[in-house]
PDB file of all heavy atoms in Angstrom:
ATOM      1  N   LEU A   1     -37.086  77.193-139.720  1.00  0.00           N
ATOM      2  CA  LEU A   1     -35.889  76.821-139.142  1.00  0.00           C
ATOM      3  C   LEU A   1     -34.728  77.627-139.804  1.00  0.00           C
ATOM      4  O   LEU A   1     -34.561  77.694-140.941  1.00  0.00           O
ATOM      5  CB  LEU A   1     -35.529  75.377-139.250  1.00  0.00           C
ATOM      6  CG  LEU A   1     -36.639  74.365-139.010  1.00  0.00           C
ATOM      7  CD1 LEU A   1     -36.113  72.985-139.367  1.00  0.00           C
ATOM      8  CD2 LEU A   1     -37.022  74.414-137.527  1.00  0.00           C
ATOM      9  N   GLY A   2     -33.944  78.368-138.912  1.00  0.00           N
ATOM     10  CA  GLY A   2     -32.775  79.125-139.435  1.00  0.00           C
ATOM     11  C   GLY A   2     -31.743  78.090-139.674  1.00  0.00           C
ATOM     12  O   GLY A   2     -31.357  77.193-138.834  1.00  0.00           O
ATOM     13  N   ALA A   3     -31.059  78.199-140.858  1.00  0.00           N
ATOM     14  CA  ALA A   3     -29.981  77.306-141.181  1.00  0.00           C
ATOM     15  C   ALA A   3     -28.659  77.945-140.784  1.00  0.00           C
ATOM     16  O   ALA A   3     -28.229  79.024-141.454  1.00  0.00           O
ATOM     17  CB  ALA A   3     -29.983  76.995-142.696  1.00  0.00           C
ATOM     18  N   SER A   4     -27.963  77.471-139.872  1.00  0.00           N
ATOM     19  CA  SER A   4     -26.671  77.971-139.364  1.00  0.00           C
ATOM     20  C   SER A   4     -25.446  77.548-140.165  1.00  0.00           C
ATOM     21  O   SER A   4     -25.257  76.252-140.252  1.00  0.00           O
ATOM     22  CB  SER A   4     -26.442  77.584-137.926  1.00  0.00           C
ATOM     23  OG  SER A   4     -27.550  77.998-137.073  1.00  0.00           O
ATOM     24  N   ALA A   5     -24.741  78.520-140.668  1.00  0.00           N
ATOM     25  CA  ALA A   5     -23.482  78.135-141.403  1.00  0.00           C
ATOM     26  C   ALA A   5     -22.325  78.292-140.439  1.00  0.00           C
ATOM     27  O   ALA A   5     -21.275  77.710-140.671  1.00  0.00           O
ATOM     28  CB  ALA A   5     -23.336  79.036-142.615  1.00  0.00           C
ATOM     29  N   SER A   6     -22.456  79.130-139.394  1.00  0.00           N
ATOM     30  CA  SER A   6     -21.455  79.229-138.305  1.00  0.00           C
ATOM     31  C   SER A   6     -22.160  79.784-137.104  1.00  0.00           C
ATOM     32  O   SER A   6     -23.417  79.878-137.069  1.00  0.00           O
ATOM     33  CB  SER A   6     -20.412  80.282-138.830  1.00  0.00           C
ATOM     34  OG  SER A   6     -20.803  81.583-138.709  1.00  0.00           O
ATOM     35  N   THR A   7     -21.359  80.021-136.113  1.00  0.00           N
ATOM     36  CA  THR A   7     -22.057  80.468-134.838  1.00  0.00           C
ATOM     37  C   THR A   7     -22.720  81.868-134.946  1.00  0.00           C
ATOM     38  O   THR A   7     -23.562  82.265-134.153  1.00  0.00           O
ATOM     39  CB  THR A   7     -21.058  80.580-133.607  1.00  0.00           C
ATOM     40  OG1 THR A   7     -19.935  81.425-133.982  1.00  0.00           O
ATOM     41  CG2 THR A   7     -20.469  79.218-133.308  1.00  0.00           C
ATOM     42  N   VAL A   8     -22.300  82.611-136.023  1.00  0.00           N
ATOM     43  CA  VAL A   8     -22.871  83.980-136.155  1.00  0.00           C
ATOM     44  C   VAL A   8     -23.467  84.223-137.536  1.00  0.00           C
ATOM     45  O   VAL A   8     -23.942  85.315-137.910  1.00  0.00           O
ATOM     46  CB  VAL A   8     -21.738  85.054-135.974  1.00  0.00           C
ATOM     47  CG1 VAL A   8     -21.273  85.022-134.537  1.00  0.00           C
ATOM     48  CG2 VAL A   8     -20.543  84.842-136.990  1.00  0.00           C
ATOM     49  N   THR A   9     -23.526  83.090-138.354  1.00  0.00           N
ATOM     50  CA  THR A   9     -23.965  83.314-139.749  1.00  0.00           C
ATOM     51  C   THR A   9     -25.063  82.319-140.085  1.00  0.00           C
ATOM     52  O   THR A   9     -24.941  81.169-139.799  1.00  0.00           O
ATOM     53  CB  THR A   9     -22.805  83.067-140.695  1.00  0.00           C
ATOM     54  OG1 THR A   9     -21.717  83.892-140.473  1.00  0.00           O
ATOM     55  CG2 THR A   9     -23.279  83.380-142.154  1.00  0.00           C
ATOM     56  N   PHE A  10     -26.176  82.850-140.612  1.00  0.00           N
ATOM     57  CA  PHE A  10     -27.270  82.032-141.102  1.00  0.00           C
ATOM     58  C   PHE A  10     -27.359  82.127-142.572  1.00  0.00           C
ATOM     59  O   PHE A  10     -27.230  83.250-143.211  1.00  0.00           O
ATOM     60  CB  PHE A  10     -28.594  82.421-140.469  1.00  0.00           C
ATOM     61  CG  PHE A  10     -28.715  82.103-139.035  1.00  0.00           C
ATOM     62  CD1 PHE A  10     -28.132  82.995-138.038  1.00  0.00           C
ATOM     63  CD2 PHE A  10     -29.271  80.923-138.597  1.00  0.00           C
ATOM     64  CE1 PHE A  10     -28.270  82.673-136.701  1.00  0.00           C
ATOM     65  CE2 PHE A  10     -29.329  80.605-137.253  1.00  0.00           C
ATOM     66  CZ  PHE A  10     -28.862  81.466-136.298  1.00  0.00           C
ATOM     67  N   SER A  11     -27.532  81.041-143.278  1.00  0.00           N
ATOM     68  CA  SER A  11     -27.517  81.047-144.725  1.00  0.00           C
ATOM     69  C   SER A  11     -28.933  81.220-145.302  1.00  0.00           C
ATOM     70  O   SER A  11     -29.089  81.640-146.472  1.00  0.00           O
ATOM     71  CB  SER A  11     -26.913  79.765-145.193  1.00  0.00           C
ATOM     72  OG  SER A  11     -27.786  78.622-144.951  1.00  0.00           O
ATOM     73  N   GLY A  12     -29.991  80.787-144.598  1.00  0.00           N
ATOM     74  CA  GLY A  12     -31.362  80.897-145.135  1.00  0.00           C
ATOM     75  C   GLY A  12     -32.347  80.208-144.155  1.00  0.00           C
ATOM     76  O   GLY A  12     -31.951  79.889-143.000  1.00  0.00           O
ATOM     77  N   ASP A  13     -33.497  79.992-144.659  1.00  0.00           N
ATOM     78  CA  ASP A  13     -34.525  79.324-143.826  1.00  0.00           C
ATOM     79  C   ASP A  13     -35.089  78.043-144.465  1.00  0.00           C
ATOM     80  O   ASP A  13     -35.304  77.971-145.685  1.00  0.00           O
ATOM     81  CB  ASP A  13     -35.748  80.254-143.696  1.00  0.00           C
ATOM     82  CG  ASP A  13     -35.559  81.346-142.788  1.00  0.00           C
ATOM     83  OD1 ASP A  13     -34.704  81.267-141.846  1.00  0.00           O
ATOM     84  OD2 ASP A  13     -36.129  82.536-142.937  1.00  0.00           O
ATOM     85  N   VAL A  14     -35.268  77.080-143.690  1.00  0.00           N
ATOM     86  CA  VAL A  14     -36.026  75.891-144.064  1.00  0.00           C
ATOM     87  C   VAL A  14     -37.477  75.945-143.589  1.00  0.00           C
ATOM     88  O   VAL A  14     -37.646  76.230-142.465  1.00  0.00           O
ATOM     89  CB  VAL A  14     -35.366  74.570-143.558  1.00  0.00           C
ATOM     90  CG1 VAL A  14     -36.274  73.390-143.730  1.00  0.00           C
ATOM     91  CG2 VAL A  14     -34.025  74.367-144.336  1.00  0.00           C
ATOM     92  N   ILE A  15     -38.418  75.844-144.445  1.00  0.00           N
ATOM     93  CA  ILE A  15     -39.879  75.920-144.084  1.00  0.00           C
ATOM     94  C   ILE A  15     -40.437  74.474-144.209  1.00  0.00           C
ATOM     95  O   ILE A  15     -40.180  73.827-145.203  1.00  0.00           O
ATOM     96  CB  ILE A  15     -40.634  76.833-145.033  1.00  0.00           C
ATOM     97  CG1 ILE A  15     -40.035  78.237-144.984  1.00  0.00           C
ATOM     98  CG2 ILE A  15     -42.091  76.836-144.627  1.00  0.00           C
ATOM     99  CD1 ILE A  15     -40.013  78.961-143.655  1.00  0.00           C
ATOM    100  N   ILE A  16     -41.144  74.115-143.093  1.00  0.00           N
ATOM    101  CA  ILE A  16     -41.786  72.768-143.040  1.00  0.00           C
ATOM    102  C   ILE A  16     -43.273  72.984-142.976  1.00  0.00           C
ATOM    103  O   ILE A  16     -43.783  73.626-141.965  1.00  0.00           O
ATOM    104  CB  ILE A  16     -41.334  71.925-141.940  1.00  0.00           C
ATOM    105  CG1 ILE A  16     -39.732  71.701-142.035  1.00  0.00           C
ATOM    106  CG2 ILE A  16     -41.991  70.605-141.920  1.00  0.00           C
ATOM    107  CD1 ILE A  16     -39.164  71.104-140.855  1.00  0.00           C
ATOM    108  N   ASP A  17     -44.033  72.570-143.921  1.00  0.00           N
ATOM    109  CA  ASP A  17     -45.548  72.550-143.804  1.00  0.00           C
ATOM    110  C   ASP A  17     -45.965  71.145-143.347  1.00  0.00           C
ATOM    111  O   ASP A  17     -45.596  70.179-143.997  1.00  0.00           O
ATOM    112  CB  ASP A  17     -46.138  72.905-145.161  1.00  0.00           C
ATOM    113  CG  ASP A  17     -45.917  74.358-145.496  1.00  0.00           C
ATOM    114  OD1 ASP A  17     -45.743  75.170-144.615  1.00  0.00           O
ATOM    115  OD2 ASP A  17     -45.947  74.650-146.754  1.00  0.00           O
ATOM    116  N   TYR A  18     -46.781  71.082-142.369  1.00  0.00           N
ATOM    117  CA  TYR A  18     -47.161  69.782-141.898  1.00  0.00           C
ATOM    118  C   TYR A  18     -48.544  69.374-142.379  1.00  0.00           C
ATOM    119  O   TYR A  18     -49.413  70.243-142.794  1.00  0.00           O
ATOM    120  CB  TYR A  18     -47.268  69.835-140.285  1.00  0.00           C
ATOM    121  CG  TYR A  18     -46.012  69.829-139.578  1.00  0.00           C
ATOM    122  CD1 TYR A  18     -45.270  71.051-139.352  1.00  0.00           C
ATOM    123  CD2 TYR A  18     -45.358  68.674-139.124  1.00  0.00           C
ATOM    124  CE1 TYR A  18     -44.051  71.017-138.702  1.00  0.00           C
ATOM    125  CE2 TYR A  18     -44.181  68.760-138.427  1.00  0.00           C
ATOM    126  CZ  TYR A  18     -43.473  69.897-138.298  1.00  0.00           C
ATOM    127  OH  TYR A  18     -42.268  69.934-137.574  1.00  0.00           O
ATOM    128  N   LYS A  19     -48.797  68.143-142.430  1.00  0.00           N
ATOM    129  CA  LYS A  19     -50.140  67.506-142.641  1.00  0.00           C
ATOM    130  C   LYS A  19     -50.483  66.525-141.637  1.00  0.00           C
ATOM    131  O   LYS A  19     -49.613  65.931-140.962  1.00  0.00           O
ATOM    132  CB  LYS A  19     -50.111  66.863-144.088  1.00  0.00           C
ATOM    133  CG  LYS A  19     -49.182  65.623-144.135  1.00  0.00           C
ATOM    134  CD  LYS A  19     -49.286  65.007-145.559  1.00  0.00           C
ATOM    135  CE  LYS A  19     -48.388  63.763-145.614  1.00  0.00           C
ATOM    136  NZ  LYS A  19     -48.314  63.148-146.907  1.00  0.00           N
ATOM    137  N   TYR A  20     -51.823  66.313-141.393  1.00  0.00           N
ATOM    138  CA  TYR A  20     -52.255  65.375-140.462  1.00  0.00           C
ATOM    139  C   TYR A  20     -52.516  64.001-141.155  1.00  0.00           C
ATOM    140  O   TYR A  20     -53.289  63.965-142.170  1.00  0.00           O
ATOM    141  CB  TYR A  20     -53.572  65.869-139.777  1.00  0.00           C
ATOM    142  CG  TYR A  20     -54.092  64.924-138.684  1.00  0.00           C
ATOM    143  CD1 TYR A  20     -53.453  64.754-137.481  1.00  0.00           C
ATOM    144  CD2 TYR A  20     -55.307  64.163-139.006  1.00  0.00           C
ATOM    145  CE1 TYR A  20     -53.945  63.828-136.492  1.00  0.00           C
ATOM    146  CE2 TYR A  20     -55.771  63.297-138.099  1.00  0.00           C
ATOM    147  CZ  TYR A  20     -55.104  63.097-136.803  1.00  0.00           C
ATOM    148  OH  TYR A  20     -55.596  62.273-135.935  1.00  0.00           O
ATOM    149  N   GLU A  21     -51.890  63.021-140.676  1.00  0.00           N
ATOM    150  CA  GLU A  21     -52.045  61.756-141.354  1.00  0.00           C
ATOM    151  C   GLU A  21     -51.695  60.590-140.360  1.00  0.00           C
ATOM    152  O   GLU A  21     -50.758  60.722-139.682  1.00  0.00           O
ATOM    153  CB  GLU A  21     -51.086  61.675-142.589  1.00  0.00           C
ATOM    154  CG  GLU A  21     -51.166  60.387-143.371  1.00  0.00           C
ATOM    155  CD  GLU A  21     -50.283  60.497-144.554  1.00  0.00           C
ATOM    156  OE1 GLU A  21     -50.617  61.100-145.579  1.00  0.00           O
ATOM    157  OE2 GLU A  21     -49.134  59.927-144.475  1.00  0.00           O
ATOM    158  N   GLY A  22     -52.630  59.665-140.311  1.00  0.00           N
ATOM    159  CA  GLY A  22     -52.337  58.482-139.467  1.00  0.00           C
ATOM    160  C   GLY A  22     -52.295  58.827-138.036  1.00  0.00           C
ATOM    161  O   GLY A  22     -51.538  58.183-137.263  1.00  0.00           O
ATOM    162  N   GLY A  23     -53.057  59.798-137.575  1.00  0.00           N
ATOM    163  CA  GLY A  23     -53.143  60.175-136.152  1.00  0.00           C
ATOM    164  C   GLY A  23     -51.977  61.024-135.649  1.00  0.00           C
ATOM    165  O   GLY A  23     -51.823  61.227-134.449  1.00  0.00           O
ATOM    166  N   ARG A  24     -51.186  61.611-136.588  1.00  0.00           N
ATOM    167  CA  ARG A  24     -50.120  62.482-136.207  1.00  0.00           C
ATOM    168  C   ARG A  24     -49.855  63.465-137.293  1.00  0.00           C
ATOM    169  O   ARG A  24     -50.317  63.368-138.418  1.00  0.00           O
ATOM    170  CB  ARG A  24     -48.782  61.640-135.866  1.00  0.00           C
ATOM    171  CG  ARG A  24     -48.261  60.861-137.058  1.00  0.00           C
ATOM    172  CD  ARG A  24     -47.267  59.773-136.545  1.00  0.00           C
ATOM    173  NE  ARG A  24     -46.184  60.355-135.811  1.00  0.00           N
ATOM    174  CZ  ARG A  24     -44.949  60.422-136.133  1.00  0.00           C
ATOM    175  NH1 ARG A  24     -44.488  59.876-137.313  1.00  0.00           N
ATOM    176  NH2 ARG A  24     -44.034  60.922-135.363  1.00  0.00           N
ATOM    177  N   PHE A  25     -49.049  64.542-136.897  1.00  0.00           N
ATOM    178  CA  PHE A  25     -48.662  65.571-137.860  1.00  0.00           C
ATOM    179  C   PHE A  25     -47.338  65.193-138.436  1.00  0.00           C
ATOM    180  O   PHE A  25     -46.380  65.044-137.648  1.00  0.00           O
ATOM    181  CB  PHE A  25     -48.656  66.953-137.240  1.00  0.00           C
ATOM    182  CG  PHE A  25     -49.962  67.548-136.997  1.00  0.00           C
ATOM    183  CD1 PHE A  25     -50.699  67.259-135.757  1.00  0.00           C
ATOM    184  CD2 PHE A  25     -50.626  68.258-137.920  1.00  0.00           C
ATOM    185  CE1 PHE A  25     -51.923  67.728-135.499  1.00  0.00           C
ATOM    186  CE2 PHE A  25     -51.983  68.751-137.729  1.00  0.00           C
ATOM    187  CZ  PHE A  25     -52.563  68.501-136.534  1.00  0.00           C
TER     188      PHE A  25
END
């Protein structure tokens, strides 16, 4: 996910790693 600091500026990336648990990710 790109982290938006303004309509034209991105500050960095958020990375999400998923796991399968309880029938869902």
